[in-house]
Protein backbone atom coordinates (compact mmCIF):
# COMPACT_ATOMS: atom_id res chain seq x y z
CA UNK A 1 6.06 35.53 -33.14
CA UNK A 2 3.54 34.01 -30.82
CA UNK A 3 5.12 30.87 -29.31
CA UNK A 4 1.88 29.00 -29.94
CA UNK A 5 2.19 29.69 -33.68
CA UNK A 6 5.29 27.53 -33.95
CA UNK A 7 3.40 24.55 -32.57
CA UNK A 8 0.53 25.16 -34.95
CA UNK A 9 2.90 25.36 -37.90
CA UNK A 10 4.75 22.28 -36.70
CA UNK A 11 1.52 20.28 -36.81
CA UNK A 12 1.20 21.03 -40.50
CA UNK A 13 4.19 18.90 -41.57
CA UNK A 14 1.87 16.17 -42.81
CA UNK A 15 -0.32 18.74 -44.58
CA UNK A 16 2.55 20.41 -46.41
CA UNK A 17 1.61 18.80 -49.71
CA UNK A 18 3.64 17.27 -52.46
CA UNK A 19 7.32 17.64 -53.15
CA UNK A 20 8.55 20.45 -55.34
CA UNK A 21 10.83 19.53 -58.20
CA UNK A 22 13.48 21.83 -59.60
CA UNK A 23 15.06 20.97 -62.91
CA UNK A 24 17.93 22.48 -64.87
CA UNK A 25 17.29 20.93 -68.29
CA UNK A 26 17.71 24.18 -70.23
CA UNK A 27 21.23 24.91 -69.00
CA UNK A 28 23.83 25.06 -71.74
CA UNK A 29 26.94 23.11 -70.90
CA UNK A 30 30.14 22.55 -72.89
CA UNK A 31 28.86 19.03 -73.64
CA UNK A 32 25.61 20.43 -75.08
CA UNK A 33 27.56 22.72 -77.38
CA UNK A 34 29.54 19.79 -78.81
CA UNK A 35 26.43 17.70 -79.34
CA UNK A 36 26.94 15.36 -76.38
CA UNK A 37 23.97 14.29 -74.32
CA UNK A 38 23.19 16.81 -71.54
CA UNK A 39 22.38 15.75 -68.01
CA UNK A 40 19.66 17.14 -65.82
CA UNK A 41 19.81 17.86 -62.12
CA UNK A 42 16.74 17.59 -59.96
CA UNK A 43 16.04 18.47 -56.37
CA UNK A 44 13.02 17.22 -54.44
CA UNK A 45 12.04 19.10 -51.30
CA UNK A 46 10.24 17.06 -48.70
CA UNK A 47 7.18 18.42 -46.96
CA UNK A 48 9.34 19.01 -43.87
CA UNK A 49 11.82 21.06 -45.89
CA UNK A 50 8.97 23.08 -47.39
CA UNK A 51 7.59 23.73 -43.90
CA UNK A 52 11.02 24.85 -42.68
CA UNK A 53 11.30 27.18 -45.66
CA UNK A 54 7.93 28.78 -44.81
CA UNK A 55 8.89 29.06 -41.13
CA UNK A 56 12.17 30.73 -42.04
CA UNK A 57 10.39 33.30 -44.21
CA UNK A 58 7.81 33.92 -41.49
CA UNK A 59 10.45 34.40 -38.80
CA UNK A 60 12.53 36.68 -41.03
CA UNK A 61 9.63 39.11 -41.23
CA UNK A 62 9.36 39.44 -37.43
CA UNK A 63 11.29 41.99 -35.40
CA UNK A 64 14.16 40.74 -33.23
CA UNK A 65 12.63 42.31 -30.13
CA UNK A 66 8.99 42.50 -29.07
CA UNK A 67 9.05 46.21 -28.18
CA UNK A 68 5.58 46.18 -26.66
CA UNK A 69 6.41 43.29 -24.32
CA UNK A 70 9.70 44.93 -23.28
CA UNK A 71 7.87 48.16 -22.45
CA UNK A 72 5.24 46.23 -20.47
CA UNK A 73 7.84 44.39 -18.37
CA UNK A 74 9.91 47.53 -17.88
CA UNK A 75 6.87 49.42 -16.58
CA UNK A 76 5.97 46.54 -14.24
CA UNK A 77 9.55 46.43 -12.90
CA UNK A 78 9.66 50.19 -12.34
CA UNK A 79 6.32 50.19 -10.52
CA UNK A 80 7.17 47.13 -8.43
CA UNK A 81 4.28 45.14 -9.88
CA UNK A 82 6.39 42.49 -11.61
CA UNK A 83 5.72 39.15 -9.92
CA UNK A 84 7.86 36.07 -10.38
CA UNK A 85 6.20 32.68 -10.02
CA UNK A 86 9.17 30.51 -9.03
CA UNK A 87 7.07 27.32 -9.06
CA UNK A 88 5.90 27.92 -12.61
CA UNK A 89 9.46 28.62 -13.74
CA UNK A 90 10.75 25.47 -12.03
CA UNK A 91 7.98 23.36 -13.59
CA UNK A 92 8.76 24.75 -17.04
CA UNK A 93 12.47 24.02 -16.59
CA UNK A 94 11.74 20.44 -15.54
CA UNK A 95 9.41 19.90 -18.53
CA UNK A 96 12.09 21.34 -20.83
CA UNK A 97 14.78 19.02 -19.45
CA UNK A 98 12.51 15.99 -19.66
CA UNK A 99 11.70 16.77 -23.30
CA UNK A 100 15.29 15.88 -24.20
CA UNK A 101 14.80 12.36 -22.89
CA UNK A 102 11.80 11.64 -25.10
């Protein structure tokens, strides 16, 4: 999955819509068979939970390994063309660590 897609999906939490309601009114219980009043169970999923459900389904459909990217990096390594930008890596690590403090 494109890393930018996760951010785009994450921005849609507020746009996820209304809660879904699941009800189990039709279930037959021992109380219902004896004529006693049956109870109903309901579950309300928040928009965040709905978004997480969609993300989970989306991620499940993706392969575990990006074969094309692996082949590209392998070829660059073998040909000696793979360049490492230590400054960019260090900056990304610092941003990552600082994100925990926010």
